[in-house]
């Protein structure tokens, strides 16, 4: 179903004494999810991964709306803000067995502290 959809159940509402039952109107209000944002039948989410995975590529485990995790490939040389599309992991399409896609926006984990050795390696990399 979609947000703000109204479903009418004819004859299922209240009636005045001696009258005919009215209709029952049901309005759907979609609640926000803490991890996913819905865009039609697609779900958007963001993950933060290490800088090395953005540069070298790798894999990341991503939670789905179904409560299970899937492993996705992160292509080498991915930029922060790159969006990966995982087909069929979005919302079920009303009246169909198909599903939308999951869109994963890539971010980077910035360490809060680094060791002296890590700092030296980062400075060496920066000088290249």
Protein backbone atom coordinates (compact mmCIF):
# COMPACT_ATOMS: atom_id res chain seq x y z
CA UNK A 1 0.00 0.00 0.00
CA UNK A 2 1.07 3.60 -0.32
CA UNK A 3 1.05 6.47 2.14
CA UNK A 4 -2.24 8.40 2.31
CA UNK A 5 -4.13 5.73 0.34
CA UNK A 6 -7.82 5.56 1.22
CA UNK A 7 -9.65 2.27 1.13
CA UNK A 8 -13.46 2.27 1.15
CA UNK A 9 -15.37 -0.65 2.61
CA UNK A 10 -18.92 -0.15 1.38
CA UNK A 11 -21.67 -0.71 3.93
CA UNK A 12 -19.23 -1.29 6.80
CA UNK A 13 -19.65 2.09 8.50
CA UNK A 14 -22.16 3.38 11.07
CA UNK A 15 -25.85 3.92 10.34
CA UNK A 16 -28.45 6.18 11.86
CA UNK A 17 -31.34 4.44 13.61
CA UNK A 18 -33.45 2.72 10.98
CA UNK A 19 -31.06 3.85 8.23
CA UNK A 20 -28.57 2.16 5.94
CA UNK A 21 -24.95 1.56 6.98
CA UNK A 22 -22.53 4.05 5.57
CA UNK A 23 -19.07 3.29 4.23
CA UNK A 24 -15.97 2.74 6.31
CA UNK A 25 -13.08 4.83 4.96
CA UNK A 26 -9.61 3.67 5.97
CA UNK A 27 -6.70 6.06 5.41
CA UNK A 28 -3.18 4.59 5.48
CA UNK A 29 -0.52 6.65 7.25
CA UNK A 30 2.98 5.30 6.77
CA UNK A 31 5.30 5.64 9.74
CA UNK A 32 8.96 6.58 9.23
CA UNK A 33 11.49 3.76 9.52
CA UNK A 34 14.74 4.28 11.44
CA UNK A 35 16.91 2.78 8.67
CA UNK A 36 15.04 3.03 5.37
CA UNK A 37 13.36 5.79 3.43
CA UNK A 38 10.68 4.79 0.96
CA UNK A 39 10.64 6.20 -2.58
CA UNK A 40 7.65 4.58 -4.31
CA UNK A 41 8.56 0.87 -4.10
CA UNK A 42 12.29 1.42 -3.61
CA UNK A 43 14.00 1.66 -0.23
CA UNK A 44 16.93 4.02 0.37
CA UNK A 45 19.53 3.52 3.07
CA UNK A 46 23.09 4.66 3.81
CA UNK A 47 26.13 2.79 5.06
CA UNK A 48 29.56 3.94 6.15
CA UNK A 49 32.49 1.79 5.11
CA UNK A 50 36.25 2.11 5.55
CA UNK A 51 38.18 4.30 3.11
CA UNK A 52 40.22 1.27 2.06
CA UNK A 53 37.04 -0.54 0.95
CA UNK A 54 36.00 2.49 -1.12
CA UNK A 55 39.38 2.51 -2.87
CA UNK A 56 40.16 -1.21 -3.13
CA UNK A 57 36.63 -2.62 -3.28
CA UNK A 58 35.27 -5.33 -1.06
CA UNK A 59 32.10 -6.59 0.52
CA UNK A 60 29.67 -5.21 3.08
CA UNK A 61 26.79 -6.80 4.97
CA UNK A 62 23.62 -4.73 4.63
CA UNK A 63 20.41 -5.18 6.65
CA UNK A 64 17.20 -5.51 4.61
CA UNK A 65 13.61 -4.60 5.43
CA UNK A 66 12.98 -8.34 5.88
CA UNK A 67 15.34 -8.45 8.88
CA UNK A 68 18.07 -10.46 7.17
CA UNK A 69 21.44 -9.23 5.96
CA UNK A 70 22.72 -9.47 2.42
CA UNK A 71 26.33 -9.22 1.32
CA UNK A 72 26.93 -6.66 -1.43
CA UNK A 73 30.01 -6.01 -3.54
CA UNK A 74 31.57 -2.57 -3.23
CA UNK A 75 33.28 -1.80 -6.54
CA UNK A 76 36.87 -0.53 -6.42
CA UNK A 77 37.31 3.25 -6.72
CA UNK A 78 33.82 4.01 -5.35
CA UNK A 79 33.21 7.61 -4.36
CA UNK A 80 31.46 8.79 -1.21
CA UNK A 81 27.88 9.34 -2.31
CA UNK A 82 27.88 6.48 -4.83
CA UNK A 83 24.53 4.69 -4.87
CA UNK A 84 24.38 0.93 -5.32
CA UNK A 85 21.12 -0.61 -6.57
CA UNK A 86 20.11 -4.06 -5.32
CA UNK A 87 17.22 -5.34 -7.44
CA UNK A 88 14.22 -6.88 -5.72
CA UNK A 89 15.09 -5.90 -2.13
CA UNK A 90 12.64 -3.00 -1.81
CA UNK A 91 8.92 -2.91 -1.01
CA UNK A 92 6.48 -5.43 -2.48
CA UNK A 93 4.58 -3.89 -5.37
CA UNK A 94 0.85 -3.82 -4.59
CA UNK A 95 -1.03 -6.53 -6.50
CA UNK A 96 2.19 -8.13 -7.77
CA UNK A 97 4.81 -10.62 -6.66
CA UNK A 98 7.56 -8.19 -7.73
CA UNK A 99 9.44 -5.84 -5.43
CA UNK A 100 11.17 -2.52 -5.79
CA UNK A 101 14.92 -2.09 -5.35
CA UNK A 102 17.12 -1.14 -2.42
CA UNK A 103 19.34 1.90 -2.98
CA UNK A 104 22.46 2.03 -0.83
CA UNK A 105 24.31 5.33 -0.49
CA UNK A 106 27.99 4.88 0.36
CA UNK A 107 29.67 6.94 3.06
CA UNK A 108 33.05 6.66 4.74
CA UNK A 109 34.05 5.84 8.30
CA UNK A 110 36.39 8.51 9.65
CA UNK A 111 38.42 7.21 12.60
CA UNK A 112 38.30 9.37 15.72
CA UNK A 113 41.86 8.45 16.66
CA UNK A 114 44.88 7.12 14.76
CA UNK A 115 48.08 5.56 15.99
CA UNK A 116 51.47 7.10 15.22
CA UNK A 117 52.07 4.36 12.65
CA UNK A 118 48.72 5.01 10.97
CA UNK A 119 49.44 8.76 10.90
CA UNK A 120 52.82 8.13 9.22
CA UNK A 121 51.19 5.87 6.61
CA UNK A 122 48.47 8.46 5.92
CA UNK A 123 51.07 11.22 5.56
CA UNK A 124 53.07 9.03 3.21
CA UNK A 125 49.96 8.34 1.14
CA UNK A 126 49.07 12.03 1.06
CA UNK A 127 52.57 12.88 -0.26
CA UNK A 128 52.14 10.56 -3.25
